[in-house]
Amino acid sequence: QVHLVESGGGLVQAGGTLRLSCVVSGDISRLAAMGWYRQAPGKQRELVATITSAFATNYADSVKGRFTISRDNAKNTVHLQMNSLKPEDTAVYYCNYIRGWREYWGQGTQVTVSS
């Protein structure tokens, strides 16, 4: 089993910043890819950013240039630095772990951006 616990969400004004963190524990592999996804009310969950074991990153077009994903394998942690936040970034943000056929999700953390 793999457990993911997110933190760092909250309420922020448009143009502000937040830093999300996800601590991973359990039967983990440093070869796993990690990612952040989000789900706004009434919408499907969507990819925000991913990072591979080789530290290659991928971002949704809507967050490119504003968000940065990083990982610290020594601390089993993945971060999402979010700058220049917009009201449309409001969603529940979920941490994701995937290694082969094994995929796990965190419980989510709420991010609310006021205009």
Protein backbone atom coordinates (compact mmCIF):
# COMPACT_ATOMS: atom_id res chain seq x y z
CA GLN A 1 0.00 0.00 0.00
CA VAL A 2 1.00 3.58 -0.67
CA HIS A 3 -0.33 6.54 1.29
CA LEU A 4 -0.33 10.12 0.08
CA VAL A 5 -1.11 13.10 2.29
CA GLU A 6 -1.49 16.55 0.76
CA SER A 7 -1.17 19.88 2.55
CA GLY A 8 -0.80 23.56 1.76
CA GLY A 9 -4.18 24.41 0.32
CA GLY A 10 -6.18 27.41 1.41
CA LEU A 11 -7.81 30.66 0.42
CA VAL A 12 -5.78 33.22 -1.50
CA GLN A 13 -6.49 36.32 -3.55
CA ALA A 14 -6.00 36.38 -7.29
CA GLY A 15 -2.34 36.95 -8.11
CA GLY A 16 -1.23 35.24 -4.92
CA THR A 17 0.84 32.13 -4.33
CA LEU A 18 0.45 28.77 -2.63
CA ARG A 19 2.76 25.80 -2.25
CA LEU A 20 1.22 22.36 -2.06
CA SER A 21 3.08 19.42 -0.59
CA CYS A 22 2.44 15.69 -0.78
CA VAL A 23 4.17 13.23 1.52
CA VAL A 24 4.29 9.67 0.26
CA SER A 25 4.73 6.66 2.53
CA GLY A 26 4.40 2.90 2.46
CA ASP A 27 5.61 0.47 -0.18
CA ILE A 28 6.99 3.17 -2.49
CA SER A 29 9.43 3.19 -5.35
CA ARG A 30 11.59 6.11 -6.41
CA LEU A 31 10.94 4.98 -9.98
CA ALA A 32 7.32 6.04 -9.65
CA ALA A 33 5.94 9.01 -11.49
CA MET A 34 4.17 11.61 -9.39
CA GLY A 35 1.65 14.23 -10.29
CA TRP A 36 -0.94 16.78 -9.29
CA TYR A 37 -4.48 16.77 -10.58
CA ARG A 38 -7.42 18.99 -9.77
CA GLN A 39 -11.18 18.84 -9.83
CA ALA A 40 -13.44 21.86 -9.81
CA PRO A 41 -17.14 21.62 -8.90
CA GLY A 42 -19.13 20.11 -11.74
CA LYS A 43 -16.03 19.30 -13.76
CA GLN A 44 -13.92 16.23 -14.40
CA ARG A 45 -10.59 15.72 -12.71
CA GLU A 46 -7.81 17.10 -14.87
CA LEU A 47 -4.05 16.89 -15.01
CA VAL A 48 -2.13 19.84 -13.62
CA ALA A 49 1.48 18.63 -13.67
CA THR A 50 3.51 15.44 -13.57
CA ILE A 51 7.11 14.57 -12.82
CA THR A 52 8.89 11.34 -13.66
CA SER A 53 11.59 9.51 -11.73
CA ALA A 54 14.06 11.19 -14.10
CA PHE A 55 12.61 14.58 -13.11
CA ALA A 56 11.04 15.19 -16.50
CA THR A 57 8.02 17.46 -16.09
CA ASN A 58 4.78 18.01 -17.96
CA TYR A 59 2.21 20.75 -17.41
CA ALA A 60 -1.31 21.54 -18.47
CA ASP A 61 -1.34 24.49 -20.86
CA SER A 62 -3.46 26.46 -18.41
CA VAL A 63 -0.73 26.46 -15.75
CA LYS A 64 2.46 26.63 -17.82
CA GLY A 65 4.69 29.44 -16.67
CA ARG A 66 2.80 29.81 -13.37
CA PHE A 67 3.10 26.43 -11.63
CA THR A 68 6.21 24.38 -10.90
CA ILE A 69 6.27 20.74 -9.83
CA SER A 70 9.24 19.30 -7.97
CA ARG A 71 10.10 16.21 -6.00
CA ASP A 72 12.46 15.39 -3.16
CA ASN A 73 13.15 11.66 -3.18
CA ALA A 74 15.11 11.84 0.06
CA LYS A 75 11.99 13.14 1.82
CA ASN A 76 9.45 11.21 -0.30
CA THR A 77 7.75 14.49 -1.08
CA VAL A 78 6.39 16.19 -4.17
CA HIS A 79 5.56 19.89 -4.28
CA LEU A 80 3.51 22.16 -6.47
CA GLN A 81 4.49 25.81 -6.38
CA MET A 82 1.59 27.89 -7.65
CA ASN A 83 2.19 31.52 -8.59
CA SER A 84 -0.05 34.15 -10.17
CA LEU A 85 -3.13 32.24 -9.09
CA LYS A 86 -6.41 32.87 -10.88
CA PRO A 87 -10.02 32.28 -9.78
CA GLU A 88 -10.23 29.49 -12.36
CA ASP A 89 -7.53 27.62 -10.43
CA THR A 90 -10.08 27.03 -7.66
CA ALA A 91 -10.43 23.27 -7.18
CA VAL A 92 -9.58 20.34 -4.99
CA TYR A 93 -6.00 19.35 -5.76
CA TYR A 94 -5.01 15.69 -5.61
CA CYS A 95 -1.60 14.10 -5.43
CA ASN A 96 -1.03 11.05 -7.61
CA TYR A 97 1.48 8.19 -7.52
CA ILE A 98 1.84 5.70 -10.35
CA ARG A 99 4.27 2.86 -10.83
CA GLY A 100 3.34 0.29 -13.45
CA TRP A 101 -0.18 -0.93 -12.69
CA ARG A 102 -0.15 0.56 -9.19
CA GLU A 103 -1.85 3.94 -8.87
CA TYR A 104 -2.75 5.79 -5.71
CA TRP A 105 -4.39 9.09 -4.82
CA GLY A 106 -4.34 11.40 -1.86
CA GLN A 107 -7.47 12.72 -0.18
CA GLY A 108 -7.14 16.15 -1.78
CA THR A 109 -6.60 19.68 -0.55
CA GLN A 110 -8.88 22.61 -1.33
CA VAL A 111 -7.48 25.63 -3.15
CA THR A 112 -9.75 28.66 -3.41
CA VAL A 113 -8.73 31.78 -5.32
CA SER A 114 -10.86 34.86 -4.78
CA SER A 115 -11.17 37.62 -7.38
